[in-house]
Amino acid sequence: MVVVTLQREKCIGCNYCVEMAPEQFAMSKKDGKSVLLHSQNKKGFHTIKSHDEGIFEPCEQASKACPVKIISVKRT
């Protein structure tokens, strides 16, 4: 299982995550911050858990590209 977490409040709106993983991330038109699609919000941490191993690599690239390091990706 792949677990992806976004700490959205610290997002600076650079759009790198969307460029690296457009199926998992989008930019909010409301506040210009990143949105982790289909995620659950728990105390400011937006998380998805997926059995699709295909999302690991693009999300890992998004995590590495993020200048404020607010994306974490791990396998469980």
N, C-alpha and C. Protein backbone atom coordinates (compact mmCIF):
# COMPACT_ATOMS: atom_id res chain seq x y z
N MET A 1 0.84 -1.18 0.00
CA MET A 1 0.00 0.00 0.00
C MET A 1 0.88 1.24 0.00
N VAL A 2 0.45 2.26 -0.72
CA VAL A 2 1.16 3.54 -0.79
C VAL A 2 0.39 4.56 0.04
N VAL A 3 1.10 5.27 0.91
CA VAL A 3 0.49 6.31 1.74
C VAL A 3 1.14 7.65 1.37
N VAL A 4 0.31 8.61 0.96
CA VAL A 4 0.78 9.94 0.59
C VAL A 4 0.13 10.95 1.52
N THR A 5 0.95 11.84 2.09
CA THR A 5 0.45 12.85 3.01
C THR A 5 0.91 14.24 2.58
N LEU A 6 0.00 15.19 2.64
CA LEU A 6 0.28 16.59 2.30
C LEU A 6 -0.08 17.46 3.49
N GLN A 7 0.87 18.29 3.92
CA GLN A 7 0.62 19.25 5.00
C GLN A 7 0.22 20.57 4.31
N ARG A 8 -1.04 20.67 3.95
CA ARG A 8 -1.53 21.70 3.04
C ARG A 8 -1.33 23.14 3.54
N GLU A 9 -1.46 23.38 4.83
CA GLU A 9 -1.39 24.74 5.35
C GLU A 9 -0.03 25.40 5.06
N LYS A 10 1.02 24.59 4.92
CA LYS A 10 2.36 25.13 4.67
C LYS A 10 2.68 25.28 3.19
N CYS A 11 1.74 24.94 2.32
CA CYS A 11 1.95 25.01 0.87
C CYS A 11 2.17 26.46 0.44
N ILE A 12 3.16 26.65 -0.47
CA ILE A 12 3.44 27.99 -1.00
C ILE A 12 2.91 28.16 -2.43
N GLY A 13 2.26 27.13 -2.97
CA GLY A 13 1.63 27.23 -4.29
C GLY A 13 2.58 27.22 -5.47
N CYS A 14 3.69 26.50 -5.37
CA CYS A 14 4.69 26.49 -6.45
C CYS A 14 4.27 25.65 -7.65
N ASN A 15 3.34 24.69 -7.47
CA ASN A 15 2.78 23.86 -8.53
C ASN A 15 3.66 22.68 -8.94
N TYR A 16 4.80 22.45 -8.32
CA TYR A 16 5.68 21.35 -8.70
C TYR A 16 5.00 19.99 -8.53
N CYS A 17 4.23 19.84 -7.46
CA CYS A 17 3.56 18.56 -7.21
C CYS A 17 2.59 18.22 -8.34
N VAL A 18 1.90 19.22 -8.84
CA VAL A 18 0.94 19.00 -9.93
C VAL A 18 1.69 18.61 -11.21
N GLU A 19 2.83 19.22 -11.44
CA GLU A 19 3.63 18.89 -12.63
C GLU A 19 4.16 17.46 -12.55
N MET A 20 4.54 17.02 -11.37
CA MET A 20 5.13 15.68 -11.20
C MET A 20 4.07 14.58 -11.11
N ALA A 21 2.94 14.87 -10.46
CA ALA A 21 1.90 13.85 -10.24
C ALA A 21 0.51 14.44 -10.45
N PRO A 22 0.16 14.75 -11.69
CA PRO A 22 -1.14 15.42 -11.95
C PRO A 22 -2.36 14.57 -11.61
N GLU A 23 -2.21 13.25 -11.50
CA GLU A 23 -3.36 12.42 -11.13
C GLU A 23 -3.66 12.48 -9.64
N GLN A 24 -2.66 12.90 -8.83
CA GLN A 24 -2.86 12.94 -7.39
C GLN A 24 -2.99 14.36 -6.83
N PHE A 25 -2.45 15.35 -7.54
CA PHE A 25 -2.45 16.72 -7.03
C PHE A 25 -3.11 17.69 -8.00
N ALA A 26 -3.71 18.74 -7.44
CA ALA A 26 -4.28 19.83 -8.22
C ALA A 26 -4.08 21.11 -7.42
N MET A 27 -4.19 22.24 -8.09
CA MET A 27 -4.07 23.53 -7.40
C MET A 27 -5.47 24.08 -7.17
N SER A 28 -5.70 24.57 -5.96
CA SER A 28 -7.00 25.13 -5.61
C SER A 28 -7.16 26.51 -6.24
N LYS A 29 -8.28 26.71 -6.90
CA LYS A 29 -8.57 28.04 -7.46
C LYS A 29 -8.93 29.02 -6.35
N LYS A 30 -9.36 28.49 -5.22
CA LYS A 30 -9.79 29.33 -4.10
C LYS A 30 -8.62 30.02 -3.40
N ASP A 31 -7.56 29.24 -3.05
CA ASP A 31 -6.46 29.85 -2.30
C ASP A 31 -5.07 29.63 -2.93
N GLY A 32 -5.01 28.97 -4.10
CA GLY A 32 -3.74 28.81 -4.79
C GLY A 32 -2.81 27.77 -4.19
N LYS A 33 -3.33 26.95 -3.27
CA LYS A 33 -2.50 25.92 -2.64
C LYS A 33 -2.81 24.56 -3.25
N SER A 34 -1.89 23.64 -3.03
CA SER A 34 -2.03 22.29 -3.54
C SER A 34 -3.15 21.53 -2.84
N VAL A 35 -3.80 20.64 -3.60
CA VAL A 35 -4.84 19.78 -3.06
C VAL A 35 -4.45 18.34 -3.39
N LEU A 36 -4.42 17.47 -2.40
CA LEU A 36 -4.20 16.05 -2.62
C LEU A 36 -5.57 15.44 -2.90
N LEU A 37 -5.78 15.03 -4.13
CA LEU A 37 -7.09 14.58 -4.57
C LEU A 37 -7.55 13.31 -3.84
N HIS A 38 -8.81 13.26 -3.48
CA HIS A 38 -9.46 12.12 -2.80
C HIS A 38 -8.85 11.83 -1.43
N SER A 39 -8.32 12.85 -0.78
CA SER A 39 -7.66 12.63 0.52
C SER A 39 -8.60 12.87 1.69
N GLN A 40 -8.20 12.33 2.83
CA GLN A 40 -8.88 12.56 4.09
C GLN A 40 -8.07 13.58 4.88
N ASN A 41 -8.72 14.59 5.45
CA ASN A 41 -8.04 15.61 6.25
C ASN A 41 -8.14 15.26 7.73
N LYS A 42 -6.99 15.16 8.36
CA LYS A 42 -6.97 14.90 9.79
C LYS A 42 -5.95 15.85 10.42
N LYS A 43 -6.47 16.89 11.10
CA LYS A 43 -5.63 17.87 11.79
C LYS A 43 -4.61 18.53 10.86
N GLY A 44 -5.03 18.86 9.65
CA GLY A 44 -4.17 19.57 8.71
C GLY A 44 -3.31 18.68 7.84
N PHE A 45 -3.37 17.38 8.07
CA PHE A 45 -2.63 16.43 7.24
C PHE A 45 -3.61 15.72 6.32
N HIS A 46 -3.45 15.94 5.02
CA HIS A 46 -4.32 15.35 4.01
C HIS A 46 -3.65 14.07 3.52
N THR A 47 -4.35 12.94 3.65
CA THR A 47 -3.73 11.64 3.38
C THR A 47 -4.58 10.78 2.46
N ILE A 48 -3.89 10.08 1.56
CA ILE A 48 -4.54 9.03 0.78
C ILE A 48 -3.76 7.73 1.01
N LYS A 49 -4.51 6.64 1.02
CA LYS A 49 -3.92 5.30 1.09
C LYS A 49 -4.41 4.56 -0.14
N SER A 50 -3.47 4.05 -0.93
CA SER A 50 -3.84 3.42 -2.19
C SER A 50 -3.10 2.10 -2.37
N HIS A 51 -3.79 1.15 -2.97
CA HIS A 51 -3.16 -0.13 -3.33
C HIS A 51 -2.50 -0.03 -4.70
N ASP A 52 -2.66 1.10 -5.38
CA ASP A 52 -2.08 1.32 -6.71
C ASP A 52 -0.61 1.71 -6.57
N GLU A 53 0.29 0.75 -6.80
CA GLU A 53 1.73 1.01 -6.70
C GLU A 53 2.20 2.01 -7.76
N GLY A 54 1.41 2.20 -8.81
CA GLY A 54 1.77 3.12 -9.88
C GLY A 54 1.84 4.57 -9.45
N ILE A 55 1.23 4.91 -8.31
CA ILE A 55 1.28 6.31 -7.86
C ILE A 55 2.54 6.61 -7.05
N PHE A 56 3.26 5.56 -6.64
CA PHE A 56 4.42 5.79 -5.77
C PHE A 56 5.48 6.67 -6.43
N GLU A 57 5.90 6.32 -7.63
CA GLU A 57 6.99 7.04 -8.29
C GLU A 57 6.65 8.51 -8.56
N PRO A 58 5.49 8.83 -9.18
CA PRO A 58 5.18 10.25 -9.39
C PRO A 58 5.04 11.03 -8.08
N CYS A 59 4.46 10.41 -7.07
CA CYS A 59 4.31 11.11 -5.79
C CYS A 59 5.66 11.30 -5.10
N GLU A 60 6.55 10.33 -5.26
CA GLU A 60 7.91 10.45 -4.72
C GLU A 60 8.64 11.60 -5.40
N GLN A 61 8.48 11.73 -6.71
CA GLN A 61 9.08 12.85 -7.45
C GLN A 61 8.51 14.18 -6.98
N ALA A 62 7.21 14.22 -6.73
CA ALA A 62 6.57 15.44 -6.23
C ALA A 62 7.12 15.79 -4.85
N SER A 63 7.32 14.79 -4.02
CA SER A 63 7.87 15.00 -2.68
C SER A 63 9.27 15.60 -2.76
N LYS A 64 10.09 15.07 -3.65
CA LYS A 64 11.47 15.56 -3.79
C LYS A 64 11.51 16.96 -4.39
N ALA A 65 10.55 17.28 -5.27
CA ALA A 65 10.52 18.59 -5.92
C ALA A 65 9.97 19.70 -5.02
N CYS A 66 9.21 19.33 -4.00
CA CYS A 66 8.56 20.32 -3.13
C CYS A 66 9.60 21.14 -2.36
N PRO A 67 9.63 22.46 -2.57
CA PRO A 67 10.65 23.29 -1.90
C PRO A 67 10.44 23.45 -0.40
N VAL A 68 9.21 23.22 0.08
CA VAL A 68 8.95 23.35 1.52
C VAL A 68 8.79 22.00 2.22
N LYS A 69 9.01 20.91 1.47
CA LYS A 69 9.04 19.54 2.02
C LYS A 69 7.82 19.18 2.85
N ILE A 70 6.64 19.36 2.26
CA ILE A 70 5.40 19.09 2.99
C ILE A 70 4.67 17.86 2.46
N ILE A 71 5.33 17.11 1.57
CA ILE A 71 4.73 15.89 1.02
C ILE A 71 5.55 14.69 1.47
N SER A 72 4.89 13.70 2.03
CA SER A 72 5.59 12.47 2.37
C SER A 72 4.94 11.31 1.65
N VAL A 73 5.77 10.36 1.22
CA VAL A 73 5.32 9.20 0.49
C VAL A 73 6.00 7.98 1.08
N LYS A 74 5.22 6.94 1.40
CA LYS A 74 5.83 5.72 1.92
C LYS A 74 5.02 4.51 1.53
N ARG A 75 5.69 3.38 1.54
CA ARG A 75 5.03 2.09 1.30
C ARG A 75 4.83 1.42 2.64
N THR A 76 3.68 0.78 2.80
CA THR A 76 3.43 0.04 4.05
C THR A 76 3.18 -1.42 3.75
